[in-house]
Amino acid sequence: MSQERLDALNALLAQDPNNSFVRYGLAQTLLSAGQLEQAAAAFQELIQRHPNYSAAYFHGGQTLEKLGRLEEARRIYEEGVVVCGRNGDLHTKSEIQGALDLLP
């Protein structure tokens, strides 16, 4: 991850803290850089600010799985299934359900 990219995303968030696209980009950038704790926190913040942002549940859950926080991942996935069902996002719902079904 380039520090410049991270700085740019944080600058954009400072201008508009409710920009869901930028917040998702920050979480994904942190995830790609292997900064799992920070990525998990960023996905959680995205879900809190934008509870209908379907992809945040899938990627947030996967991040928590990588951290070994399986019960938290399960909770995020379960919430995501409900949100996606309510929003009619059947593709993401099926991805989240698949991830949920694979949890031990």
Protein backbone atom coordinates (compact mmCIF):
# COMPACT_ATOMS: atom_id res chain seq x y z
CA MET A 1 0.00 0.00 0.00
CA SER A 2 1.27 3.39 -0.86
CA GLN A 3 1.26 5.86 1.97
CA GLU A 4 0.20 8.44 -0.63
CA ARG A 5 -2.97 6.47 -1.38
CA LEU A 6 -3.76 6.11 2.29
CA ASP A 7 -3.13 9.83 2.86
CA ALA A 8 -5.36 10.71 -0.09
CA LEU A 9 -8.21 8.52 1.17
CA ASN A 10 -7.93 9.98 4.66
CA ALA A 11 -7.92 13.51 3.22
CA LEU A 12 -11.08 12.74 1.27
CA LEU A 13 -12.71 11.34 4.41
CA ALA A 14 -11.75 14.46 6.33
CA GLN A 15 -13.66 16.47 3.73
CA ASP A 16 -16.64 14.13 3.67
CA PRO A 17 -16.74 11.60 6.54
CA ASN A 18 -19.97 10.09 5.21
CA ASN A 19 -18.61 9.18 1.77
CA SER A 20 -19.28 5.45 1.69
CA PHE A 21 -17.26 4.86 -1.47
CA VAL A 22 -14.12 6.44 0.00
CA ARG A 23 -14.62 4.67 3.32
CA TYR A 24 -14.92 1.33 1.47
CA GLY A 25 -11.79 2.18 -0.52
CA LEU A 26 -9.90 2.86 2.70
CA ALA A 27 -10.98 -0.46 4.20
CA GLN A 28 -10.01 -2.35 1.05
CA THR A 29 -6.64 -0.58 0.86
CA LEU A 30 -5.88 -1.51 4.45
CA LEU A 31 -6.95 -5.09 3.79
CA SER A 32 -4.75 -5.32 0.70
CA ALA A 33 -1.82 -4.02 2.73
CA GLY A 34 -2.33 -6.72 5.35
CA GLN A 35 -3.31 -4.23 8.04
CA LEU A 36 -6.12 -6.47 9.20
CA GLU A 37 -7.01 -4.82 12.51
CA GLN A 38 -7.27 -1.42 10.85
CA ALA A 39 -9.23 -2.89 7.95
CA ALA A 40 -11.68 -4.60 10.31
CA ALA A 41 -12.20 -1.30 12.14
CA ALA A 42 -12.72 0.51 8.83
CA PHE A 43 -15.32 -2.02 7.67
CA GLN A 44 -17.08 -1.73 11.04
CA GLU A 45 -17.14 2.06 10.74
CA LEU A 46 -18.57 1.74 7.23
CA ILE A 47 -21.31 -0.58 8.48
CA GLN A 48 -22.14 1.76 11.35
CA ARG A 49 -22.38 4.79 9.07
CA HIS A 50 -23.97 2.99 6.10
CA PRO A 51 -25.80 -0.11 7.34
CA ASN A 52 -27.11 -0.91 3.85
CA TYR A 53 -23.64 -1.14 2.23
CA SER A 54 -23.84 -4.85 1.43
CA ALA A 55 -20.23 -5.49 0.41
CA ALA A 56 -18.96 -4.24 3.78
CA TYR A 57 -20.56 -7.23 5.49
CA PHE A 58 -18.88 -9.75 3.20
CA HIS A 59 -15.41 -8.20 3.25
CA GLY A 60 -15.68 -7.20 6.89
CA GLY A 61 -16.55 -10.77 7.80
CA GLN A 62 -13.69 -12.15 5.74
CA THR A 63 -11.30 -9.76 7.47
CA LEU A 64 -12.51 -10.90 10.88
CA GLU A 65 -12.06 -14.52 9.80
CA LYS A 66 -8.44 -13.80 8.86
CA LEU A 67 -7.97 -12.38 12.34
CA GLY A 68 -9.41 -15.56 13.86
CA ARG A 69 -12.40 -13.67 15.26
CA LEU A 70 -14.92 -16.21 14.03
CA GLU A 71 -17.86 -15.32 16.26
CA GLU A 72 -17.62 -11.67 15.21
CA ALA A 73 -17.41 -12.78 11.58
CA ARG A 74 -20.50 -14.94 12.07
CA ARG A 75 -22.40 -11.99 13.53
CA ILE A 76 -21.40 -9.69 10.64
CA TYR A 77 -22.34 -12.33 8.07
CA GLU A 78 -25.72 -12.93 9.72
CA GLU A 79 -26.43 -9.18 9.74
CA GLY A 80 -25.33 -9.01 6.11
CA VAL A 81 -27.73 -11.75 5.03
CA VAL A 82 -30.60 -9.81 6.57
CA VAL A 83 -29.49 -6.49 5.06
CA CYS A 84 -29.01 -7.98 1.60
CA GLY A 85 -32.38 -9.69 1.76
CA ARG A 86 -34.03 -6.42 2.72
CA ASN A 87 -32.21 -4.57 -0.09
CA GLY A 88 -32.83 -7.24 -2.71
CA ASP A 89 -29.08 -7.76 -3.24
CA LEU A 90 -29.33 -11.48 -3.89
CA HIS A 91 -25.82 -11.88 -5.32
CA THR A 92 -24.08 -10.48 -2.26
CA LYS A 93 -26.53 -12.31 -0.03
CA SER A 94 -25.52 -15.62 -1.61
CA GLU A 95 -21.81 -14.79 -1.20
CA ILE A 96 -22.30 -13.93 2.46
CA GLN A 97 -24.43 -17.02 3.07
CA GLY A 98 -21.74 -19.16 1.45
CA ALA A 99 -19.08 -17.67 3.73
CA LEU A 100 -21.35 -18.16 6.74
CA ASP A 101 -21.96 -21.80 5.80
CA LEU A 102 -18.19 -22.43 5.69
CA LEU A 103 -17.54 -21.19 9.20
CA PRO A 104 -16.70 -23.95 11.66
